[in-house]
ModelCIF file with pLDDT and N, C-alpha, C, O atoms, coordinates in Angstrom:
data_MODEL
#
_entry.id   MODEL 
#
_entity.id                         1 
_entity.type                       polymer 
_entity.pdbx_number_of_molecules   1 
#
_entity_poly.entity_id                      1 
_entity_poly.type                           'polypeptide(L)' 
_entity_poly.nstd_linkage                   no 
_entity_poly.nstd_monomer                   no 
_entity_poly.pdbx_seq_one_letter_code       RHHTFFEMLGNFSFGDYFKEHAIELAWNLLTKE 
_entity_poly.pdbx_seq_one_letter_code_can   RHHTFFEMLGNFSFGDYFKEHAIELAWNLLTKE 
_entity_poly.pdbx_strand_id                 A 
#
loop_
_entity_poly_seq.entity_id 
_entity_poly_seq.num 
_entity_poly_seq.mon_id 
_entity_poly_seq.hetero 
1 1  ARG n 
1 2  HIS n 
1 3  HIS n 
1 4  THR n 
1 5  PHE n 
1 6  PHE n 
1 7  GLU n 
1 8  MET n 
1 9  LEU n 
1 10 GLY n 
1 11 ASN n 
1 12 PHE n 
1 13 SER n 
1 14 PHE n 
1 15 GLY n 
1 16 ASP n 
1 17 TYR n 
1 18 PHE n 
1 19 LYS n 
1 20 GLU n 
1 21 HIS n 
1 22 ALA n 
1 23 ILE n 
1 24 GLU n 
1 25 LEU n 
1 26 ALA n 
1 27 TRP n 
1 28 ASN n 
1 29 LEU n 
1 30 LEU n 
1 31 THR n 
1 32 LYS n 
1 33 GLU n 
#
_struct_asym.id          A 
_struct_asym.entity_id   1 
#
loop_
_ma_qa_metric.id 
_ma_qa_metric.mode 
_ma_qa_metric.name 
_ma_qa_metric.software_group_id 
_ma_qa_metric.type 
1 global pLDDT . pLDDT 
2 local  pLDDT . pLDDT 
#
_ma_qa_metric_global.metric_id      1 
_ma_qa_metric_global.metric_value   96.48 
_ma_qa_metric_global.model_id       1 
_ma_qa_metric_global.ordinal_id     1 
#
loop_
_ma_qa_metric_local.label_asym_id 
_ma_qa_metric_local.label_comp_id 
_ma_qa_metric_local.label_seq_id 
_ma_qa_metric_local.metric_id 
_ma_qa_metric_local.metric_value 
_ma_qa_metric_local.model_id 
_ma_qa_metric_local.ordinal_id 
A ARG 1  2 89.00 1 1  
A HIS 2  2 90.00 1 2  
A HIS 3  2 94.00 1 3  
A THR 4  2 94.00 1 4  
A PHE 5  2 96.00 1 5  
A PHE 6  2 96.00 1 6  
A GLU 7  2 97.00 1 7  
A MET 8  2 98.00 1 8  
A LEU 9  2 98.00 1 9  
A GLY 10 2 98.00 1 10 
A ASN 11 2 98.00 1 11 
A PHE 12 2 98.00 1 12 
A SER 13 2 97.00 1 13 
A PHE 14 2 95.00 1 14 
A GLY 15 2 93.00 1 15 
A ASP 16 2 96.00 1 16 
A TYR 17 2 96.00 1 17 
A PHE 18 2 96.00 1 18 
A LYS 19 2 96.00 1 19 
A GLU 20 2 97.00 1 20 
A HIS 21 2 98.00 1 21 
A ALA 22 2 98.00 1 22 
A ILE 23 2 98.00 1 23 
A GLU 24 2 98.00 1 24 
A LEU 25 2 98.00 1 25 
A ALA 26 2 98.00 1 26 
A TRP 27 2 98.00 1 27 
A ASN 28 2 98.00 1 28 
A LEU 29 2 98.00 1 29 
A LEU 30 2 98.00 1 30 
A THR 31 2 98.00 1 31 
A LYS 32 2 97.00 1 32 
A GLU 33 2 97.00 1 33 
#
loop_
_atom_site.group_PDB 
_atom_site.id 
_atom_site.type_symbol 
_atom_site.label_atom_id 
_atom_site.label_alt_id 
_atom_site.label_comp_id 
_atom_site.label_asym_id 
_atom_site.label_entity_id 
_atom_site.label_seq_id 
_atom_site.pdbx_PDB_ins_code 
_atom_site.Cartn_x 
_atom_site.Cartn_y 
_atom_site.Cartn_z 
_atom_site.occupancy 
_atom_site.B_iso_or_equiv 
_atom_site.pdbx_formal_charge 
_atom_site.auth_seq_id 
_atom_site.auth_comp_id 
_atom_site.auth_asym_id 
_atom_site.auth_atom_id 
_atom_site.pdbx_PDB_model_num 
ATOM 1   N N  . ARG A 1 1  ? -180.713 3.671   105.027 1.00 89.00 ? 1  ARG A N  1 
ATOM 2   C CA . ARG A 1 1  ? -181.275 2.463   105.633 1.00 89.00 ? 1  ARG A CA 1 
ATOM 3   C C  . ARG A 1 1  ? -181.419 1.246   104.724 1.00 89.00 ? 1  ARG A C  1 
ATOM 4   O O  . ARG A 1 1  ? -182.071 0.281   105.123 1.00 89.00 ? 1  ARG A O  1 
ATOM 5   N N  . HIS A 1 2  ? -180.844 1.246   103.524 1.00 90.00 ? 2  HIS A N  1 
ATOM 6   C CA . HIS A 1 2  ? -180.919 0.060   102.674 1.00 90.00 ? 2  HIS A CA 1 
ATOM 7   C C  . HIS A 1 2  ? -179.706 -0.844  102.884 1.00 90.00 ? 2  HIS A C  1 
ATOM 8   O O  . HIS A 1 2  ? -178.583 -0.372  103.059 1.00 90.00 ? 2  HIS A O  1 
ATOM 9   N N  . HIS A 1 3  ? -179.958 -2.158  102.864 1.00 94.00 ? 3  HIS A N  1 
ATOM 10  C CA . HIS A 1 3  ? -178.891 -3.147  103.026 1.00 94.00 ? 3  HIS A CA 1 
ATOM 11  C C  . HIS A 1 3  ? -179.137 -4.327  102.092 1.00 94.00 ? 3  HIS A C  1 
ATOM 12  O O  . HIS A 1 3  ? -180.271 -4.585  101.687 1.00 94.00 ? 3  HIS A O  1 
ATOM 13  N N  . THR A 1 4  ? -178.058 -5.043  101.753 1.00 94.00 ? 4  THR A N  1 
ATOM 14  C CA . THR A 1 4  ? -178.237 -6.322  101.062 1.00 94.00 ? 4  THR A CA 1 
ATOM 15  C C  . THR A 1 4  ? -178.493 -7.417  102.097 1.00 94.00 ? 4  THR A C  1 
ATOM 16  O O  . THR A 1 4  ? -179.351 -8.276  101.894 1.00 94.00 ? 4  THR A O  1 
ATOM 17  N N  . PHE A 1 5  ? -177.754 -7.386  103.201 1.00 96.00 ? 5  PHE A N  1 
ATOM 18  C CA . PHE A 1 5  ? -177.968 -8.321  104.306 1.00 96.00 ? 5  PHE A CA 1 
ATOM 19  C C  . PHE A 1 5  ? -178.429 -7.526  105.521 1.00 96.00 ? 5  PHE A C  1 
ATOM 20  O O  . PHE A 1 5  ? -177.885 -6.465  105.827 1.00 96.00 ? 5  PHE A O  1 
ATOM 21  N N  . PHE A 1 6  ? -179.444 -8.056  106.214 1.00 96.00 ? 6  PHE A N  1 
ATOM 22  C CA . PHE A 1 6  ? -179.894 -7.424  107.452 1.00 96.00 ? 6  PHE A CA 1 
ATOM 23  C C  . PHE A 1 6  ? -180.577 -8.468  108.322 1.00 96.00 ? 6  PHE A C  1 
ATOM 24  O O  . PHE A 1 6  ? -180.845 -9.583  107.876 1.00 96.00 ? 6  PHE A O  1 
ATOM 25  N N  . GLU A 1 7  ? -180.855 -8.097  109.565 1.00 97.00 ? 7  GLU A N  1 
ATOM 26  C CA . GLU A 1 7  ? -181.588 -8.984  110.470 1.00 97.00 ? 7  GLU A CA 1 
ATOM 27  C C  . GLU A 1 7  ? -182.994 -8.444  110.673 1.00 97.00 ? 7  GLU A C  1 
ATOM 28  O O  . GLU A 1 7  ? -183.190 -7.250  110.901 1.00 97.00 ? 7  GLU A O  1 
ATOM 29  N N  . MET A 1 8  ? -183.974 -9.344  110.588 1.00 98.00 ? 8  MET A N  1 
ATOM 30  C CA . MET A 1 8  ? -185.362 -8.950  110.797 1.00 98.00 ? 8  MET A CA 1 
ATOM 31  C C  . MET A 1 8  ? -185.877 -9.592  112.079 1.00 98.00 ? 8  MET A C  1 
ATOM 32  O O  . MET A 1 8  ? -185.995 -10.813 112.176 1.00 98.00 ? 8  MET A O  1 
ATOM 33  N N  . LEU A 1 9  ? -186.180 -8.754  113.049 1.00 98.00 ? 9  LEU A N  1 
ATOM 34  C CA . LEU A 1 9  ? -186.812 -9.216  114.281 1.00 98.00 ? 9  LEU A CA 1 
ATOM 35  C C  . LEU A 1 9  ? -188.285 -9.476  113.995 1.00 98.00 ? 9  LEU A C  1 
ATOM 36  O O  . LEU A 1 9  ? -188.907 -8.734  113.236 1.00 98.00 ? 9  LEU A O  1 
ATOM 37  N N  . GLY A 1 10 ? -188.849 -10.523 114.596 1.00 98.00 ? 10 GLY A N  1 
ATOM 38  C CA . GLY A 1 10 ? -190.245 -10.809 114.313 1.00 98.00 ? 10 GLY A CA 1 
ATOM 39  C C  . GLY A 1 10 ? -190.935 -11.602 115.394 1.00 98.00 ? 10 GLY A C  1 
ATOM 40  O O  . GLY A 1 10 ? -190.299 -12.340 116.147 1.00 98.00 ? 10 GLY A O  1 
ATOM 41  N N  . ASN A 1 11 ? -192.257 -11.441 115.466 1.00 98.00 ? 11 ASN A N  1 
ATOM 42  C CA . ASN A 1 11 ? -193.099 -12.306 116.297 1.00 98.00 ? 11 ASN A CA 1 
ATOM 43  C C  . ASN A 1 11 ? -194.243 -12.828 115.443 1.00 98.00 ? 11 ASN A C  1 
ATOM 44  O O  . ASN A 1 11 ? -194.740 -12.135 114.554 1.00 98.00 ? 11 ASN A O  1 
ATOM 45  N N  . PHE A 1 12 ? -194.655 -14.063 115.727 1.00 98.00 ? 12 PHE A N  1 
ATOM 46  C CA . PHE A 1 12 ? -195.598 -14.766 114.858 1.00 98.00 ? 12 PHE A CA 1 
ATOM 47  C C  . PHE A 1 12 ? -196.676 -15.448 115.693 1.00 98.00 ? 12 PHE A C  1 
ATOM 48  O O  . PHE A 1 12 ? -196.407 -15.989 116.765 1.00 98.00 ? 12 PHE A O  1 
ATOM 49  N N  . SER A 1 13 ? -197.889 -15.410 115.180 1.00 97.00 ? 13 SER A N  1 
ATOM 50  C CA . SER A 1 13 ? -198.998 -16.145 115.769 1.00 97.00 ? 13 SER A CA 1 
ATOM 51  C C  . SER A 1 13 ? -199.587 -17.046 114.703 1.00 97.00 ? 13 SER A C  1 
ATOM 52  O O  . SER A 1 13 ? -199.939 -16.588 113.616 1.00 97.00 ? 13 SER A O  1 
ATOM 53  N N  . PHE A 1 14 ? -199.695 -18.336 115.017 1.00 95.00 ? 14 PHE A N  1 
ATOM 54  C CA . PHE A 1 14 ? -200.247 -19.307 114.072 1.00 95.00 ? 14 PHE A CA 1 
ATOM 55  C C  . PHE A 1 14 ? -201.653 -19.677 114.524 1.00 95.00 ? 14 PHE A C  1 
ATOM 56  O O  . PHE A 1 14 ? -201.873 -20.708 115.161 1.00 95.00 ? 14 PHE A O  1 
ATOM 57  N N  . GLY A 1 15 ? -202.603 -18.804 114.175 1.00 93.00 ? 15 GLY A N  1 
ATOM 58  C CA . GLY A 1 15 ? -203.989 -19.039 114.545 1.00 93.00 ? 15 GLY A CA 1 
ATOM 59  C C  . GLY A 1 15 ? -204.273 -18.816 116.015 1.00 93.00 ? 15 GLY A C  1 
ATOM 60  O O  . GLY A 1 15 ? -205.321 -19.236 116.508 1.00 93.00 ? 15 GLY A O  1 
ATOM 61  N N  . ASP A 1 16 ? -203.366 -18.165 116.729 1.00 96.00 ? 16 ASP A N  1 
ATOM 62  C CA . ASP A 1 16 ? -203.572 -17.911 118.163 1.00 96.00 ? 16 ASP A CA 1 
ATOM 63  C C  . ASP A 1 16 ? -204.159 -16.507 118.351 1.00 96.00 ? 16 ASP A C  1 
ATOM 64  O O  . ASP A 1 16 ? -205.381 -16.358 118.369 1.00 96.00 ? 16 ASP A O  1 
ATOM 65  N N  . TYR A 1 17 ? -203.327 -15.489 118.489 1.00 96.00 ? 17 TYR A N  1 
ATOM 66  C CA . TYR A 1 17 ? -203.864 -14.127 118.573 1.00 96.00 ? 17 TYR A CA 1 
ATOM 67  C C  . TYR A 1 17 ? -203.883 -13.492 117.190 1.00 96.00 ? 17 TYR A C  1 
ATOM 68  O O  . TYR A 1 17 ? -203.289 -14.004 116.241 1.00 96.00 ? 17 TYR A O  1 
ATOM 69  N N  . PHE A 1 18 ? -204.587 -12.352 117.100 1.00 96.00 ? 18 PHE A N  1 
ATOM 70  C CA . PHE A 1 18 ? -204.675 -11.681 115.794 1.00 96.00 ? 18 PHE A CA 1 
ATOM 71  C C  . PHE A 1 18 ? -204.407 -10.189 115.976 1.00 96.00 ? 18 PHE A C  1 
ATOM 72  O O  . PHE A 1 18 ? -203.514 -9.819  116.738 1.00 96.00 ? 18 PHE A O  1 
ATOM 73  N N  . LYS A 1 19 ? -205.135 -9.350  115.315 1.00 96.00 ? 19 LYS A N  1 
ATOM 74  C CA . LYS A 1 19 ? -204.783 -7.922  115.217 1.00 96.00 ? 19 LYS A CA 1 
ATOM 75  C C  . LYS A 1 19 ? -204.640 -7.233  116.568 1.00 96.00 ? 19 LYS A C  1 
ATOM 76  O O  . LYS A 1 19 ? -203.657 -6.534  116.812 1.00 96.00 ? 19 LYS A O  1 
ATOM 77  N N  . GLU A 1 20 ? -205.612 -7.430  117.439 1.00 97.00 ? 20 GLU A N  1 
ATOM 78  C CA . GLU A 1 20 ? -205.617 -6.658  118.681 1.00 97.00 ? 20 GLU A CA 1 
ATOM 79  C C  . GLU A 1 20 ? -204.384 -6.931  119.534 1.00 97.00 ? 20 GLU A C  1 
ATOM 80  O O  . GLU A 1 20 ? -203.725 -5.998  119.991 1.00 97.00 ? 20 GLU A O  1 
ATOM 81  N N  . HIS A 1 21 ? -204.067 -8.213  119.750 1.00 98.00 ? 21 HIS A N  1 
ATOM 82  C CA . HIS A 1 21 ? -202.930 -8.527  120.611 1.00 98.00 ? 21 HIS A CA 1 
ATOM 83  C C  . HIS A 1 21 ? -201.607 -8.198  119.914 1.00 98.00 ? 21 HIS A C  1 
ATOM 84  O O  . HIS A 1 21 ? -200.632 -7.840  120.574 1.00 98.00 ? 21 HIS A O  1 
ATOM 85  N N  . ALA A 1 22 ? -201.570 -8.319  118.583 1.00 98.00 ? 22 ALA A N  1 
ATOM 86  C CA . ALA A 1 22 ? -200.348 -7.962  117.849 1.00 98.00 ? 22 ALA A CA 1 
ATOM 87  C C  . ALA A 1 22 ? -200.033 -6.481  118.032 1.00 98.00 ? 22 ALA A C  1 
ATOM 88  O O  . ALA A 1 22 ? -198.883 -6.112  118.274 1.00 98.00 ? 22 ALA A O  1 
ATOM 89  N N  . ILE A 1 23 ? -201.043 -5.643  117.919 1.00 98.00 ? 23 ILE A N  1 
ATOM 90  C CA . ILE A 1 23 ? -200.847 -4.193  118.101 1.00 98.00 ? 23 ILE A CA 1 
ATOM 91  C C  . ILE A 1 23 ? -200.462 -3.891  119.544 1.00 98.00 ? 23 ILE A C  1 
ATOM 92  O O  . ILE A 1 23 ? -199.582 -3.070  119.801 1.00 98.00 ? 23 ILE A O  1 
ATOM 93  N N  . GLU A 1 24 ? -201.125 -4.557  120.479 1.00 98.00 ? 24 GLU A N  1 
ATOM 94  C CA . GLU A 1 24 ? -200.843 -4.340  121.899 1.00 98.00 ? 24 GLU A CA 1 
ATOM 95  C C  . GLU A 1 24 ? -199.404 -4.730  122.247 1.00 98.00 ? 24 GLU A C  1 
ATOM 96  O O  . GLU A 1 24 ? -198.714 -3.987  122.944 1.00 98.00 ? 24 GLU A O  1 
ATOM 97  N N  . LEU A 1 25 ? -198.950 -5.887  121.767 1.00 98.00 ? 25 LEU A N  1 
ATOM 98  C CA . LEU A 1 25 ? -197.582 -6.342  122.050 1.00 98.00 ? 25 LEU A CA 1 
ATOM 99  C C  . LEU A 1 25 ? -196.547 -5.376  121.475 1.00 98.00 ? 25 LEU A C  1 
ATOM 100 O O  . LEU A 1 25 ? -195.574 -5.031  122.144 1.00 98.00 ? 25 LEU A O  1 
ATOM 101 N N  . ALA A 1 26 ? -196.760 -4.944  120.237 1.00 98.00 ? 26 ALA A N  1 
ATOM 102 C CA . ALA A 1 26 ? -195.809 -4.033  119.594 1.00 98.00 ? 26 ALA A CA 1 
ATOM 103 C C  . ALA A 1 26 ? -195.760 -2.691  120.313 1.00 98.00 ? 26 ALA A C  1 
ATOM 104 O O  . ALA A 1 26 ? -194.683 -2.163  120.586 1.00 98.00 ? 26 ALA A O  1 
ATOM 105 N N  . TRP A 1 27 ? -196.924 -2.150  120.614 1.00 98.00 ? 27 TRP A N  1 
ATOM 106 C CA . TRP A 1 27 ? -196.986 -0.832  121.249 1.00 98.00 ? 27 TRP A CA 1 
ATOM 107 C C  . TRP A 1 27 ? -196.335 -0.850  122.633 1.00 98.00 ? 27 TRP A C  1 
ATOM 108 O O  . TRP A 1 27 ? -195.611 0.078   122.994 1.00 98.00 ? 27 TRP A O  1 
ATOM 109 N N  . ASN A 1 28 ? -196.593 -1.903  123.401 1.00 98.00 ? 28 ASN A N  1 
ATOM 110 C CA . ASN A 1 28 ? -196.020 -1.985  124.749 1.00 98.00 ? 28 ASN A CA 1 
ATOM 111 C C  . ASN A 1 28 ? -194.505 -2.134  124.709 1.00 98.00 ? 28 ASN A C  1 
ATOM 112 O O  . ASN A 1 28 ? -193.800 -1.552  125.534 1.00 98.00 ? 28 ASN A O  1 
ATOM 113 N N  . LEU A 1 29 ? -193.999 -2.913  123.752 1.00 98.00 ? 29 LEU A N  1 
ATOM 114 C CA . LEU A 1 29 ? -192.545 -3.052  123.648 1.00 98.00 ? 29 LEU A CA 1 
ATOM 115 C C  . LEU A 1 29 ? -191.908 -1.708  123.304 1.00 98.00 ? 29 LEU A C  1 
ATOM 116 O O  . LEU A 1 29 ? -190.938 -1.296  123.939 1.00 98.00 ? 29 LEU A O  1 
ATOM 117 N N  . LEU A 1 30 ? -192.454 -1.031  122.303 1.00 98.00 ? 30 LEU A N  1 
ATOM 118 C CA . LEU A 1 30 ? -191.852 0.227   121.843 1.00 98.00 ? 30 LEU A CA 1 
ATOM 119 C C  . LEU A 1 30 ? -191.915 1.317   122.900 1.00 98.00 ? 30 LEU A C  1 
ATOM 120 O O  . LEU A 1 30 ? -190.926 2.012   123.136 1.00 98.00 ? 30 LEU A O  1 
ATOM 121 N N  . THR A 1 31 ? -193.073 1.472   123.542 1.00 98.00 ? 31 THR A N  1 
ATOM 122 C CA . THR A 1 31 ? -193.272 2.633   124.417 1.00 98.00 ? 31 THR A CA 1 
ATOM 123 C C  . THR A 1 31 ? -192.981 2.362   125.889 1.00 98.00 ? 31 THR A C  1 
ATOM 124 O O  . THR A 1 31 ? -192.546 3.258   126.611 1.00 98.00 ? 31 THR A O  1 
ATOM 125 N N  . LYS A 1 32 ? -193.220 1.125   126.338 1.00 97.00 ? 32 LYS A N  1 
ATOM 126 C CA . LYS A 1 32 ? -193.015 0.823   127.758 1.00 97.00 ? 32 LYS A CA 1 
ATOM 127 C C  . LYS A 1 32 ? -191.644 0.169   128.014 1.00 97.00 ? 32 LYS A C  1 
ATOM 128 O O  . LYS A 1 32 ? -190.895 0.604   128.889 1.00 97.00 ? 32 LYS A O  1 
ATOM 129 N N  . GLU A 1 33 ? -191.334 -0.867  127.248 1.00 97.00 ? 33 GLU A N  1 
ATOM 130 C CA . GLU A 1 33 ? -190.063 -1.564  127.460 1.00 97.00 ? 33 GLU A CA 1 
ATOM 131 C C  . GLU A 1 33 ? -188.878 -0.742  126.954 1.00 97.00 ? 33 GLU A C  1 
ATOM 132 O O  . GLU A 1 33 ? -187.733 -1.183  127.055 1.00 97.00 ? 33 GLU A O  1 
#
């Protein structure tokens, strides 16, 4: 799994949501979507 070039998927919140919604969004994408 090591690469020199790779793509990083990401989501960002700038002072909007924090830990709870970040965990919720990630968990729902992985397990439900």
